[in-house]
């Protein structure tokens, strides 16, 4: 969203996204928190315009007393900054064990206790807004109010995040809480309706970027969980116009050819992460400022050292969800966050997500077209209604064909530019060097989940890929999968294991194994799932916490580390991923507990 439009529609952004004010406050040696997010998540004690007027007389380099006086005058203490949002009990929550436990041949008390505890955690993570966007408190907060109950990840993350929502939805459905799952998705519908896309999260400082666009997948997950055929159609009728709108935004704003013109990509239907900004991220202002300083200390300055370039790449990495990772570093010798160059990388993960979304949107429109096909006997009853139905039927058929063509083009371009025939694996593409990235990551398995080129694959292709993953990639570890094989100080690198990636890889391997039973795809899917479930369970049993990420080297539930903030617990997408995996692998997990 354009900054001027943002400030007009969300007045608090005039403060929370103000570069000069944030430079003075966030980069000050007197700030009380080491986490930049703390300040921009506070509420204001006065209207934004009054804050800016007060700031005009504030010195560029204030004393400690001046700094503290200004902060105390302007910002509500964090503990009392809860007038806009309150804790809530999910609308369809109950104390019954999740129904997937009924499928176990031999019930296990330990497993039941684990599943019930995970279900109970939805209560601690559920929130609702007390007031709407026009309320005084809303105008003084960085929150974007949502119309339905929502679920936070946990820890420092007290808002709804885009891609986290998919796994929260999966977990809610596993707990027989379909209405809560629908509400979580409808909040994203609301954001697309009023903003044009789903931002990173429902904060004003997230309005210049999105996150991995998994809304179509969330819609499909809910669709698959609805029993009634008529209700499934109603769900698609509600969702599909929103999904079309988001798809158009992504194609316009994140096209490879538009951001890298004249480099031979004009006919490529591929996408990349890209954020237009000239400033540090408000929620990571001090951290980004330090990254810029370090980048500019290089001996050989270049265009990549400009503030805009550095800040764009850091924000785009946040948009990817993989903030930060060696996937975005151009040189294996420079694995530091200030060298992030994601805007010059074609990511496997994003294009896999969009490929699957295009395939699903084609199917959704075809389903709606079939539903709206008017039978011939209606012609004599109401000619006008017949004509309207036929027009809608034709429109959906055309859109189904449109998305099918997009998927066909993207699939071909992914195979041509991102696939390595020797390993059967997919790699990111470095635009500047015109070569595959050398980083082996879980993202390289996401095309399996998306069904990329599956109709043309052979059994030997499948066996080669499974052998690479299990024996040669270095991804498979005692506690599941490491997100990459690269060692750095960043959290999306070795040895960290991220629950959402585990879920996607397991689903992709299941899909491969179903198509090619001799490939051992199902076996490795079960291995990955059972190893991860074991480490998560052991960590829960030992410390009674669910981590945002785990150390993949161990089966003990050791938390993952690294990155620009302290390790978090809670944790929405961890709980959801585990509950979803238990739906398929509870029997295997039963054996783990017995052992």
Protein backbone atom coordinates (compact mmCIF):
# COMPACT_ATOMS: atom_id res chain seq x y z
CA UNK A 1 0.00 0.00 0.00
CA UNK A 2 1.23 3.47 -0.87
CA UNK A 3 2.45 5.32 2.28
CA UNK A 4 0.15 8.29 1.67
CA UNK A 5 -2.90 6.07 1.31
CA UNK A 6 -1.80 4.07 4.35
CA UNK A 7 -1.53 7.17 6.53
CA UNK A 8 -4.92 8.46 5.38
CA UNK A 9 -6.72 5.19 6.04
CA UNK A 10 -4.80 4.22 9.17
CA UNK A 11 -3.80 7.43 11.01
CA UNK A 12 -1.63 5.68 13.59
CA UNK A 13 0.80 4.81 10.77
CA UNK A 14 1.84 8.48 10.81
CA UNK A 15 3.59 7.64 14.07
CA UNK A 16 4.37 3.94 13.88
CA UNK A 17 5.79 4.17 10.35
CA UNK A 18 7.47 7.58 10.71
CA UNK A 19 11.17 7.16 9.76
CA UNK A 20 12.40 10.25 11.59
CA UNK A 21 10.54 9.48 14.80
CA UNK A 22 11.61 5.83 14.70
CA UNK A 23 15.23 6.77 14.05
CA UNK A 24 15.20 8.93 17.17
CA UNK A 25 13.39 6.44 19.40
CA UNK A 26 14.35 3.00 18.09
CA UNK A 27 18.05 3.73 17.56
CA UNK A 28 18.45 5.44 20.92
CA UNK A 29 20.79 3.98 23.56
CA UNK A 30 18.07 4.79 26.10
CA UNK A 31 15.33 2.53 24.78
CA UNK A 32 14.03 0.15 27.42
CA UNK A 33 13.65 -2.95 25.24
CA UNK A 34 16.12 -4.68 22.96
CA UNK A 35 13.21 -5.71 20.73
CA UNK A 36 12.13 -2.97 18.32
CA UNK A 37 8.69 -4.55 18.05
CA UNK A 38 7.85 -3.59 21.63
CA UNK A 39 7.57 0.14 20.87
CA UNK A 40 5.44 -0.09 17.72
CA UNK A 41 3.05 -2.53 19.42
CA UNK A 42 2.18 -0.03 22.18
CA UNK A 43 -0.92 2.16 22.08
CA UNK A 44 -0.70 5.94 21.94
CA UNK A 45 -1.97 8.14 24.77
CA UNK A 46 -2.97 10.86 22.32
CA UNK A 47 -4.02 11.23 18.70
CA UNK A 48 -1.28 10.65 16.10
CA UNK A 49 -1.39 14.27 14.96
CA UNK A 50 -0.72 15.43 18.52
CA UNK A 51 2.23 13.05 18.78
CA UNK A 52 3.76 14.51 15.63
CA UNK A 53 3.25 18.05 16.87
CA UNK A 54 4.95 17.17 20.15
CA UNK A 55 7.79 15.48 18.28
CA UNK A 56 8.54 18.65 16.29
CA UNK A 57 10.08 20.21 19.40
CA UNK A 58 11.88 17.02 20.41
CA UNK A 59 15.70 17.13 20.03
CA UNK A 60 17.42 14.81 17.54
CA UNK A 61 19.76 13.60 20.28
CA UNK A 62 17.75 13.76 23.52
CA UNK A 63 19.12 13.16 26.98
CA UNK A 64 17.97 10.08 28.89
CA UNK A 65 15.47 12.17 30.87
CA UNK A 66 14.11 13.82 27.72
CA UNK A 67 13.78 10.44 26.01
CA UNK A 68 11.97 8.81 28.92
CA UNK A 69 9.68 11.80 29.39
CA UNK A 70 8.62 11.73 25.74
CA UNK A 71 8.01 7.97 25.71
CA UNK A 72 6.02 8.15 28.96
CA UNK A 73 3.96 11.04 27.61
CA UNK A 74 3.17 9.40 24.25
CA UNK A 75 2.96 5.63 24.77
CA UNK A 76 0.81 3.51 27.04
CA UNK A 77 2.77 1.04 29.18
CA UNK A 78 2.71 -2.34 27.51
CA UNK A 79 0.89 -3.97 30.44
CA UNK A 80 -2.08 -1.58 30.14
CA UNK A 81 -2.12 -1.53 26.35
CA UNK A 82 -4.95 -4.06 26.07
CA UNK A 83 -8.07 -1.97 25.64
CA UNK A 84 -8.54 -2.87 21.99
CA UNK A 85 -8.00 -6.64 22.07
CA UNK A 86 -9.09 -9.18 24.65
CA UNK A 87 -8.61 -12.88 25.26
CA UNK A 88 -11.48 -15.03 24.02
CA UNK A 89 -12.72 -18.59 24.13
CA UNK A 90 -13.05 -20.02 20.60
CA UNK A 91 -16.70 -20.12 19.54
CA UNK A 92 -16.81 -23.90 19.06
CA UNK A 93 -14.34 -25.01 21.72
CA UNK A 94 -15.16 -27.95 23.98
CA UNK A 95 -13.24 -30.30 26.23
CA UNK A 96 -13.76 -33.42 24.14
CA UNK A 97 -10.63 -35.18 22.84
CA UNK A 98 -10.00 -34.61 19.11
CA UNK A 99 -11.99 -37.17 17.12
CA UNK A 100 -8.96 -38.45 15.19
CA UNK A 101 -8.01 -40.32 18.38
CA UNK A 102 -11.03 -42.57 17.82
CA UNK A 103 -9.23 -44.14 14.87
CA UNK A 104 -6.52 -45.62 17.07
CA UNK A 105 -6.76 -49.39 17.43
CA UNK A 106 -5.19 -49.21 20.88
CA UNK A 107 -5.93 -45.93 22.74
CA UNK A 108 -2.99 -44.46 24.63
CA UNK A 109 -3.47 -42.18 27.64
CA UNK A 110 -0.21 -40.30 27.02
CA UNK A 111 -1.12 -39.52 23.42
CA UNK A 112 -4.63 -38.49 24.44
CA UNK A 113 -3.23 -36.14 27.09
CA UNK A 114 -0.87 -34.61 24.52
CA UNK A 115 -3.65 -34.06 21.97
CA UNK A 116 -6.04 -32.59 24.55
CA UNK A 117 -3.33 -30.24 25.84
CA UNK A 118 -2.67 -29.00 22.30
CA UNK A 119 -6.40 -28.44 21.84
CA UNK A 120 -6.57 -26.50 25.12
CA UNK A 121 -3.86 -24.15 23.89
CA UNK A 122 -6.26 -22.67 21.32
CA UNK A 123 -7.97 -20.98 24.27
CA UNK A 124 -4.76 -19.24 25.32
CA UNK A 125 -4.07 -18.11 21.74
CA UNK A 126 -7.56 -16.88 20.80
CA UNK A 127 -8.28 -13.13 20.68
CA UNK A 128 -11.03 -10.78 19.59
CA UNK A 129 -11.29 -7.04 19.05
CA UNK A 130 -13.40 -5.06 21.47
CA UNK A 131 -13.80 -2.12 19.09
CA UNK A 132 -13.85 -1.58 15.34
CA UNK A 133 -11.50 0.46 13.17
CA UNK A 134 -13.34 3.75 13.80
CA UNK A 135 -12.92 3.63 17.56
CA UNK A 136 -10.57 6.07 19.31
CA UNK A 137 -8.42 3.25 20.68
CA UNK A 138 -8.07 1.69 17.21
CA UNK A 139 -6.86 4.99 15.78
CA UNK A 140 -4.14 5.09 18.44
CA UNK A 141 -2.93 1.52 17.90
CA UNK A 142 -0.83 -0.17 15.24
CA UNK A 143 -3.47 -2.93 15.12
CA UNK A 144 -5.77 -3.31 12.13
CA UNK A 145 -9.01 -4.54 13.77
CA UNK A 146 -10.49 -7.79 12.46
CA UNK A 147 -14.20 -8.71 12.40
CA UNK A 148 -13.86 -12.28 13.69
CA UNK A 149 -12.01 -14.09 16.45
CA UNK A 150 -8.37 -14.69 15.53
CA UNK A 151 -5.44 -16.71 16.82
CA UNK A 152 -1.99 -15.34 17.62
CA UNK A 153 1.20 -17.39 17.25
CA UNK A 154 2.28 -16.69 20.84
CA UNK A 155 5.19 -15.01 22.61
CA UNK A 156 6.08 -11.61 21.13
CA UNK A 157 3.64 -12.17 18.28
CA UNK A 158 0.29 -10.79 19.45
CA UNK A 159 -1.36 -10.30 16.07
CA UNK A 160 -2.73 -12.47 13.30
CA UNK A 161 -0.03 -13.50 10.81
CA UNK A 162 -0.84 -14.46 7.24
CA UNK A 163 0.94 -17.75 6.62
CA UNK A 164 0.71 -18.93 10.22
CA UNK A 165 -3.05 -18.99 9.69
CA UNK A 166 -2.90 -22.03 7.39
CA UNK A 167 -1.48 -24.30 10.09
CA UNK A 168 -3.70 -22.82 12.75
CA UNK A 169 -6.65 -23.68 10.49
CA UNK A 170 -5.34 -27.22 10.02
CA UNK A 171 -4.99 -27.65 13.76
CA UNK A 172 -8.44 -26.27 14.50
CA UNK A 173 -10.00 -28.66 12.00
CA UNK A 174 -8.08 -31.56 13.55
CA UNK A 175 -9.71 -30.51 16.85
CA UNK A 176 -13.20 -30.52 15.25
CA UNK A 177 -13.37 -26.70 15.41
CA UNK A 178 -14.45 -25.98 11.84
CA UNK A 179 -16.30 -22.74 12.66
CA UNK A 180 -13.19 -21.26 14.29
CA UNK A 181 -11.20 -22.32 11.23
CA UNK A 182 -13.67 -20.56 8.94
CA UNK A 183 -13.49 -17.42 11.08
CA UNK A 184 -9.69 -17.41 10.87
CA UNK A 185 -9.86 -17.58 7.08
CA UNK A 186 -12.63 -14.98 6.90
CA UNK A 187 -10.38 -12.50 8.65
CA UNK A 188 -8.01 -12.87 5.69
CA UNK A 189 -10.97 -12.39 3.32
CA UNK A 190 -11.69 -9.14 5.15
CA UNK A 191 -8.13 -7.91 4.71
CA UNK A 192 -8.16 -8.63 0.97
CA UNK A 193 -11.53 -6.90 0.66
CA UNK A 194 -10.47 -3.69 2.38
CA UNK A 195 -6.75 -3.56 1.50
CA UNK A 196 -6.45 -5.52 -1.76
CA UNK A 197 -4.13 -8.20 -0.43
CA UNK A 198 -3.30 -9.99 2.81
CA UNK A 199 -0.54 -8.10 4.63
CA UNK A 200 2.16 -9.84 6.65
CA UNK A 201 -0.08 -9.36 9.70
CA UNK A 202 -2.83 -7.09 10.95
CA UNK A 203 -0.55 -4.20 11.89
CA UNK A 204 -0.23 -0.89 10.05
CA UNK A 205 3.52 -1.36 9.77
CA UNK A 206 2.95 -4.53 7.70
CA UNK A 207 0.99 -2.77 4.95
CA UNK A 208 3.87 -2.68 2.45
CA UNK A 209 4.31 -6.45 2.26
CA UNK A 210 2.50 -9.76 2.29
CA UNK A 211 3.66 -13.25 3.31
CA UNK A 212 3.70 -16.59 1.46
CA UNK A 213 0.26 -16.42 -0.22
CA UNK A 214 -1.41 -19.50 1.24
CA UNK A 215 -4.98 -18.20 1.38
CA UNK A 216 -6.11 -20.44 -1.48
CA UNK A 217 -4.67 -23.45 0.35
CA UNK A 218 -6.46 -22.43 3.55
CA UNK A 219 -9.72 -22.22 1.60
CA UNK A 220 -9.12 -25.70 0.20
CA UNK A 221 -8.36 -27.13 3.65
CA UNK A 222 -11.68 -25.78 4.94
CA UNK A 223 -13.49 -26.95 1.78
CA UNK A 224 -12.20 -30.49 2.28
CA UNK A 225 -13.41 -30.45 5.89
CA UNK A 226 -17.01 -29.47 5.04
CA UNK A 227 -19.34 -32.47 4.79
CA UNK A 228 -22.33 -30.91 3.05
CA UNK A 229 -22.09 -30.51 -0.74
CA UNK A 230 -24.28 -27.39 -0.67
CA UNK A 231 -22.18 -25.83 2.09
CA UNK A 232 -19.01 -26.53 0.12
CA UNK A 233 -20.46 -24.62 -2.83
CA UNK A 234 -21.47 -21.75 -0.54
CA UNK A 235 -17.94 -21.66 0.85
CA UNK A 236 -16.45 -21.41 -2.64
CA UNK A 237 -18.96 -18.75 -3.68
CA UNK A 238 -17.80 -16.68 -0.72
CA UNK A 239 -14.09 -17.37 -1.17
CA UNK A 240 -13.36 -17.43 -4.89
CA UNK A 241 -13.90 -13.70 -5.65
CA UNK A 242 -11.47 -12.91 -2.84
CA UNK A 243 -8.93 -15.42 -4.15
CA UNK A 244 -9.22 -13.96 -7.65
CA UNK A 245 -8.51 -10.50 -6.25
CA UNK A 246 -5.43 -11.67 -4.36
CA UNK A 247 -4.15 -13.59 -7.38
CA UNK A 248 -4.42 -10.48 -9.56
CA UNK A 249 -2.51 -8.44 -6.97
CA UNK A 250 0.31 -10.99 -6.80
CA UNK A 251 0.63 -11.22 -10.58
CA UNK A 252 0.81 -7.44 -10.81
CA UNK A 253 3.11 -6.74 -7.85
CA UNK A 254 5.44 -9.76 -7.65
CA UNK A 255 6.14 -10.65 -11.28
CA UNK A 256 9.72 -11.63 -12.12
CA UNK A 257 9.59 -9.98 -15.53
CA UNK A 258 8.34 -6.63 -14.19
CA UNK A 259 11.05 -6.34 -11.53
CA UNK A 260 13.86 -7.58 -13.79
CA UNK A 261 13.03 -6.24 -17.27
CA UNK A 262 15.38 -6.80 -20.17
CA UNK A 263 16.98 -9.91 -18.68
CA UNK A 264 15.25 -12.55 -20.76
CA UNK A 265 12.37 -13.19 -18.37
CA UNK A 266 9.67 -11.45 -20.41
CA UNK A 267 7.94 -14.72 -21.29
CA UNK A 268 8.50 -16.37 -17.90
CA UNK A 269 5.52 -16.75 -15.59
CA UNK A 270 7.51 -16.78 -12.38
CA UNK A 271 7.31 -14.64 -9.25
CA UNK A 272 9.59 -13.33 -6.53
CA UNK A 273 9.42 -11.64 -3.17
CA UNK A 274 9.74 -7.87 -3.49
CA UNK A 275 8.91 -4.95 -1.21
CA UNK A 276 9.03 -1.32 -2.22
CA UNK A 277 10.42 0.69 0.69
CA UNK A 278 13.09 3.25 1.51
CA UNK A 279 13.16 2.69 5.25
CA UNK A 280 13.88 0.09 7.90
CA UNK A 281 11.04 -2.13 9.06
CA UNK A 282 9.36 -0.36 12.03
CA UNK A 283 9.16 -3.59 14.05
CA UNK A 284 12.88 -4.27 13.40
CA UNK A 285 14.07 -0.71 13.01
CA UNK A 286 17.22 -0.88 15.11
CA UNK A 287 18.14 -4.29 13.69
CA UNK A 288 17.76 -3.10 10.08
CA UNK A 289 19.67 0.10 10.82
CA UNK A 290 22.55 -1.98 12.16
CA UNK A 291 22.44 -4.21 9.07
CA UNK A 292 22.70 -1.13 6.85
CA UNK A 293 25.66 0.15 8.85
CA UNK A 294 27.46 -3.18 8.53
CA UNK A 295 26.67 -3.40 4.84
CA UNK A 296 28.08 0.07 4.21
CA UNK A 297 31.31 -0.81 6.03
CA UNK A 298 32.24 -3.03 3.09
CA UNK A 299 35.47 -2.13 1.32
CA UNK A 300 33.87 -2.12 -2.14
CA UNK A 301 30.67 -0.09 -2.08
CA UNK A 302 28.08 -0.84 -4.76
CA UNK A 303 24.49 -0.04 -5.67
CA UNK A 304 23.48 -2.91 -3.39
CA UNK A 305 24.75 -0.86 -0.43
CA UNK A 306 22.21 1.94 -0.82
CA UNK A 307 19.74 2.26 2.06
CA UNK A 308 16.78 1.57 -0.22
CA UNK A 309 18.34 -1.61 -1.60
CA UNK A 310 19.31 -2.95 1.83
CA UNK A 311 15.92 -2.17 3.37
CA UNK A 312 14.02 -3.58 0.38
CA UNK A 313 15.86 -6.87 0.61
CA UNK A 314 15.41 -7.15 4.38
CA UNK A 315 11.68 -6.45 4.07
CA UNK A 316 11.33 -8.89 1.17
CA UNK A 317 13.03 -11.59 3.24
CA UNK A 318 10.44 -10.93 5.94
CA UNK A 319 7.76 -11.26 3.28
CA UNK A 320 9.14 -14.69 2.36
CA UNK A 321 8.64 -15.93 5.92
CA UNK A 322 12.25 -17.18 5.81
CA UNK A 323 13.71 -14.24 7.70
CA UNK A 324 16.57 -14.87 7.53
CA UNK A 325 18.31 -17.64 5.62
CA UNK A 326 21.38 -18.51 3.56
CA UNK A 327 18.93 -18.99 0.70
CA UNK A 328 19.01 -15.23 0.30
CA UNK A 329 22.79 -14.74 0.62
CA UNK A 330 24.62 -14.59 -2.74
CA UNK A 331 27.91 -16.00 -1.50
CA UNK A 332 28.60 -19.00 0.71
CA UNK A 333 31.45 -17.00 2.25
CA UNK A 334 29.17 -14.18 3.42
CA UNK A 335 26.39 -15.79 5.43
CA UNK A 336 25.31 -12.64 7.26
CA UNK A 337 21.94 -10.97 7.21
CA UNK A 338 23.18 -7.66 5.78
CA UNK A 339 24.07 -9.52 2.58
CA UNK A 340 20.47 -10.53 1.93
CA UNK A 341 19.75 -10.28 -1.81
CA UNK A 342 16.34 -11.94 -2.05
CA UNK A 343 15.02 -9.46 -4.63
CA UNK A 344 17.44 -11.02 -7.12
CA UNK A 345 16.46 -14.62 -6.40
CA UNK A 346 13.65 -16.67 -7.94
CA UNK A 347 12.35 -18.68 -4.94
CA UNK A 348 11.16 -22.26 -5.27
CA UNK A 349 8.76 -21.86 -2.33
CA UNK A 350 6.75 -18.91 -3.66
CA UNK A 351 6.37 -20.38 -7.13
CA UNK A 352 5.30 -23.72 -5.67
CA UNK A 353 2.62 -21.98 -3.60
CA UNK A 354 1.38 -20.02 -6.61
CA UNK A 355 1.40 -23.11 -8.85
CA UNK A 356 -0.79 -25.00 -6.41
CA UNK A 357 -3.04 -21.98 -5.97
CA UNK A 358 -3.52 -21.67 -9.74
CA UNK A 359 -4.35 -25.36 -10.03
CA UNK A 360 -6.82 -25.13 -7.16
CA UNK A 361 -8.41 -21.94 -8.49
CA UNK A 362 -8.93 -23.65 -11.82
CA UNK A 363 -10.70 -26.50 -10.02
CA UNK A 364 -12.75 -24.11 -7.86
CA UNK A 365 -14.03 -22.22 -10.89
CA UNK A 366 -14.83 -25.47 -12.68
CA UNK A 367 -16.81 -26.67 -9.67
CA UNK A 368 -18.78 -23.42 -9.56
CA UNK A 369 -19.34 -23.57 -13.33
CA UNK A 370 -20.79 -27.05 -13.02
CA UNK A 371 -22.98 -25.94 -10.13
CA UNK A 372 -24.31 -23.01 -12.17
CA UNK A 373 -24.90 -24.96 -15.39
CA UNK A 374 -28.66 -24.44 -15.92
CA UNK A 375 -30.63 -27.53 -16.98
CA UNK A 376 -32.53 -27.13 -20.28
CA UNK A 377 -35.94 -27.43 -18.61
CA UNK A 378 -35.35 -24.12 -16.79
CA UNK A 379 -35.60 -22.25 -20.09
CA UNK A 380 -39.38 -22.39 -20.12
CA UNK A 381 -39.72 -21.36 -16.47
CA UNK A 382 -37.63 -18.19 -16.30
CA UNK A 383 -35.71 -17.07 -19.32
CA UNK A 384 -34.01 -14.19 -17.48
CA UNK A 385 -32.77 -16.40 -14.67
CA UNK A 386 -31.58 -18.95 -17.22
CA UNK A 387 -29.55 -16.30 -19.04
CA UNK A 388 -27.97 -15.08 -15.78
CA UNK A 389 -27.01 -18.59 -14.72
CA UNK A 390 -25.57 -19.35 -18.12
CA UNK A 391 -23.51 -16.14 -18.06
CA UNK A 392 -22.09 -17.02 -14.63
CA UNK A 393 -21.48 -20.59 -15.78
CA UNK A 394 -19.53 -19.33 -18.79
CA UNK A 395 -17.55 -16.84 -16.69
CA UNK A 396 -16.38 -19.56 -14.32
CA UNK A 397 -15.43 -21.83 -17.21
CA UNK A 398 -13.33 -19.03 -18.71
CA UNK A 399 -11.61 -18.34 -15.40
CA UNK A 400 -11.00 -22.05 -14.88
CA UNK A 401 -9.28 -22.18 -18.25
CA UNK A 402 -7.33 -19.01 -17.43
CA UNK A 403 -5.88 -20.44 -14.22
CA UNK A 404 -5.16 -23.76 -15.89
CA UNK A 405 -3.10 -21.94 -18.52
CA UNK A 406 -1.24 -19.99 -15.83
CA UNK A 407 -0.44 -23.20 -13.97
CA UNK A 408 0.79 -24.89 -17.15
CA UNK A 409 3.11 -21.98 -17.92
CA UNK A 410 4.43 -21.67 -14.37
CA UNK A 411 5.02 -25.42 -14.14
CA UNK A 412 7.04 -25.43 -17.37
CA UNK A 413 9.11 -22.44 -16.24
CA UNK A 414 9.79 -24.01 -12.85
CA UNK A 415 11.01 -27.20 -14.50
CA UNK A 416 13.17 -25.23 -16.92
CA UNK A 417 14.69 -22.74 -14.48
CA UNK A 418 14.51 -24.30 -11.01
CA UNK A 419 14.73 -28.10 -11.43
CA UNK A 420 17.99 -30.04 -11.30
CA UNK A 421 17.63 -33.24 -13.31
CA UNK A 422 20.65 -34.90 -11.71
CA UNK A 423 19.16 -34.94 -8.22
CA UNK A 424 15.48 -34.52 -9.08
CA UNK A 425 15.54 -31.59 -6.64
CA UNK A 426 14.50 -27.96 -7.10
CA UNK A 427 16.78 -25.02 -6.29
CA UNK A 428 16.34 -21.25 -6.08
CA UNK A 429 17.69 -19.34 -9.06
CA UNK A 430 20.24 -16.53 -8.63
CA UNK A 431 19.36 -13.91 -11.26
CA UNK A 432 22.63 -11.98 -11.01
CA UNK A 433 24.81 -15.06 -11.47
CA UNK A 434 22.38 -16.88 -13.79
CA UNK A 435 22.84 -20.14 -11.87
CA UNK A 436 21.05 -22.31 -9.35
CA UNK A 437 21.66 -21.47 -5.72
CA UNK A 438 23.92 -23.99 -4.01
CA UNK A 439 21.73 -24.03 -0.90
CA UNK A 440 19.84 -27.27 -0.32
CA UNK A 441 16.62 -26.47 1.53
CA UNK A 442 13.19 -27.87 2.35
CA UNK A 443 11.82 -25.38 -0.16
CA UNK A 444 13.27 -27.64 -2.84
CA UNK A 445 10.62 -30.23 -1.95
CA UNK A 446 7.63 -27.90 -2.06
CA UNK A 447 7.05 -28.53 -5.80
CA UNK A 448 6.12 -32.10 -4.81
CA UNK A 449 3.41 -30.69 -2.54
CA UNK A 450 2.25 -28.50 -5.44
CA UNK A 451 2.14 -31.44 -7.86
CA UNK A 452 4.72 -29.86 -10.16
CA UNK A 453 5.19 -31.88 -13.36
CA UNK A 454 3.77 -34.97 -11.68
CA UNK A 455 2.07 -36.21 -14.85
CA UNK A 456 5.42 -36.38 -16.66
CA UNK A 457 7.44 -37.89 -13.83
CA UNK A 458 8.65 -41.46 -13.97
CA UNK A 459 9.28 -43.99 -11.22
CA UNK A 460 13.03 -43.50 -11.70
CA UNK A 461 12.63 -39.73 -11.21
CA UNK A 462 10.77 -40.37 -7.96
CA UNK A 463 13.32 -42.90 -6.69
CA UNK A 464 16.21 -40.56 -7.50
CA UNK A 465 14.63 -37.71 -5.54
CA UNK A 466 13.82 -39.85 -2.50
CA UNK A 467 17.36 -41.24 -2.50
CA UNK A 468 18.79 -37.73 -2.66
CA UNK A 469 16.67 -36.53 0.25
CA UNK A 470 17.26 -39.54 2.49
CA UNK A 471 20.90 -40.31 1.72
CA UNK A 472 22.66 -37.28 0.23
CA UNK A 473 20.89 -33.97 0.90
CA UNK A 474 21.81 -33.58 4.57
CA UNK A 475 18.27 -32.40 5.36
CA UNK A 476 17.12 -35.56 7.15
CA UNK A 477 18.06 -35.41 10.83
CA UNK A 478 17.27 -37.25 14.07
CA UNK A 479 14.49 -34.79 14.91
CA UNK A 480 12.97 -34.51 11.44
CA UNK A 481 14.24 -32.16 8.74
CA UNK A 482 16.57 -29.19 8.94
CA UNK A 483 15.27 -26.29 6.87
CA UNK A 484 18.64 -25.97 5.07
CA UNK A 485 22.04 -27.63 5.25
CA UNK A 486 23.86 -24.30 5.60
CA UNK A 487 25.26 -23.19 8.95
CA UNK A 488 24.81 -19.51 9.81
CA UNK A 489 23.57 -17.36 12.67
CA UNK A 490 20.13 -17.11 11.09
CA UNK A 491 17.07 -18.99 12.26
CA UNK A 492 16.04 -20.37 8.86
CA UNK A 493 19.25 -22.37 8.50
CA UNK A 494 20.80 -25.54 9.89
CA UNK A 495 20.01 -27.05 12.33
CA UNK A 496 16.57 -25.54 12.82
CA UNK A 497 13.46 -27.53 12.02
CA UNK A 498 10.25 -25.60 11.32
CA UNK A 499 6.91 -27.37 11.84
CA UNK A 500 5.11 -25.88 8.78
CA UNK A 501 7.88 -27.07 6.47
CA UNK A 502 7.70 -30.54 8.00
CA UNK A 503 3.97 -30.63 7.23
CA UNK A 504 4.40 -29.54 3.60
CA UNK A 505 7.28 -31.92 2.92
CA UNK A 506 5.43 -34.86 4.48
CA UNK A 507 2.36 -34.09 2.37
CA UNK A 508 4.51 -33.84 -0.76
CA UNK A 509 6.28 -37.12 -0.06
CA UNK A 510 2.94 -38.80 0.62
CA UNK A 511 1.74 -37.57 -2.74
CA UNK A 512 4.85 -38.90 -4.46
CA UNK A 513 4.53 -42.26 -2.73
CA UNK A 514 0.89 -42.65 -3.75
CA UNK A 515 1.77 -42.09 -7.41
CA UNK A 516 4.93 -44.20 -7.33
CA UNK A 517 4.61 -46.88 -4.61
CA UNK A 518 8.11 -48.23 -5.27
CA UNK A 519 9.73 -44.82 -4.71
CA UNK A 520 9.72 -45.13 -0.89
CA UNK A 521 7.98 -41.75 -0.76
CA UNK A 522 5.47 -42.92 1.84
CA UNK A 523 8.22 -44.46 3.94
CA UNK A 524 10.29 -41.28 4.10
CA UNK A 525 7.13 -39.24 4.79
CA UNK A 526 6.44 -41.48 7.78
CA UNK A 527 10.07 -41.26 8.92
CA UNK A 528 10.07 -37.46 8.82
CA UNK A 529 6.69 -37.19 10.55
CA UNK A 530 7.47 -39.68 13.31
CA UNK A 531 10.87 -38.14 14.07
CA UNK A 532 9.41 -34.66 14.33
CA UNK A 533 6.42 -35.79 16.38
CA UNK A 534 8.74 -37.56 18.77
CA UNK A 535 10.95 -34.53 19.38
CA UNK A 536 7.93 -32.24 19.83
CA UNK A 537 6.31 -34.68 22.27
CA UNK A 538 9.50 -35.13 24.30
CA UNK A 539 9.92 -31.36 24.54
CA UNK A 540 6.33 -31.00 25.69
CA UNK A 541 6.68 -33.77 28.26
CA UNK A 542 9.89 -32.28 29.63
CA UNK A 543 9.09 -28.54 29.66
CA UNK A 544 5.36 -28.27 28.89
CA UNK A 545 6.02 -25.84 26.04
CA UNK A 546 5.64 -25.89 22.27
CA UNK A 547 8.46 -24.14 20.46
CA UNK A 548 8.29 -22.02 17.34
CA UNK A 549 11.18 -24.09 15.93
CA UNK A 550 13.28 -27.06 17.04
CA UNK A 551 16.88 -28.21 16.77
CA UNK A 552 16.61 -30.98 14.18
CA UNK A 553 19.73 -32.79 15.42
CA UNK A 554 18.01 -34.08 18.54
CA UNK A 555 14.92 -36.07 19.50
CA UNK A 556 14.73 -34.36 22.88
CA UNK A 557 12.58 -31.38 21.94
CA UNK A 558 15.45 -28.91 22.13
CA UNK A 559 14.37 -25.50 20.87
CA UNK A 560 15.90 -23.93 17.79
CA UNK A 561 17.91 -20.73 18.11
CA UNK A 562 19.31 -17.92 15.98
CA UNK A 563 17.81 -14.90 14.27
CA UNK A 564 16.97 -11.38 15.34
CA UNK A 565 14.70 -12.19 18.29
CA UNK A 566 14.69 -14.60 21.24
CA UNK A 567 13.18 -18.08 20.75
CA UNK A 568 9.40 -18.07 21.15
CA UNK A 569 6.94 -20.53 22.62
CA UNK A 570 3.20 -20.87 22.20
CA UNK A 571 3.01 -21.73 19.40
CA UNK A 572 0.20 -21.57 16.88
CA UNK A 573 1.67 -23.17 13.80
CA UNK A 574 3.58 -25.76 15.82
CA UNK A 575 0.40 -26.91 17.55
CA UNK A 576 -1.48 -26.94 14.26
CA UNK A 577 1.22 -28.83 12.37
CA UNK A 578 1.46 -31.49 15.06
CA UNK A 579 -2.31 -31.97 15.25
CA UNK A 580 -2.50 -32.26 11.47
CA UNK A 581 0.31 -34.83 11.37
CA UNK A 582 -1.31 -36.79 14.18
CA UNK A 583 -4.41 -37.20 12.01
CA UNK A 584 -2.31 -39.36 9.66
CA UNK A 585 0.41 -40.68 11.94
CA UNK A 586 -1.17 -41.13 15.36
CA UNK A 587 -0.63 -44.89 15.07
CA UNK A 588 3.08 -44.42 14.45
CA UNK A 589 3.27 -41.93 17.29
CA UNK A 590 1.51 -44.42 19.53
CA UNK A 591 4.47 -46.76 18.99
CA UNK A 592 6.90 -43.95 19.90
CA UNK A 593 5.16 -43.32 23.21
CA UNK A 594 5.01 -47.02 23.99
CA UNK A 595 8.74 -47.24 23.37
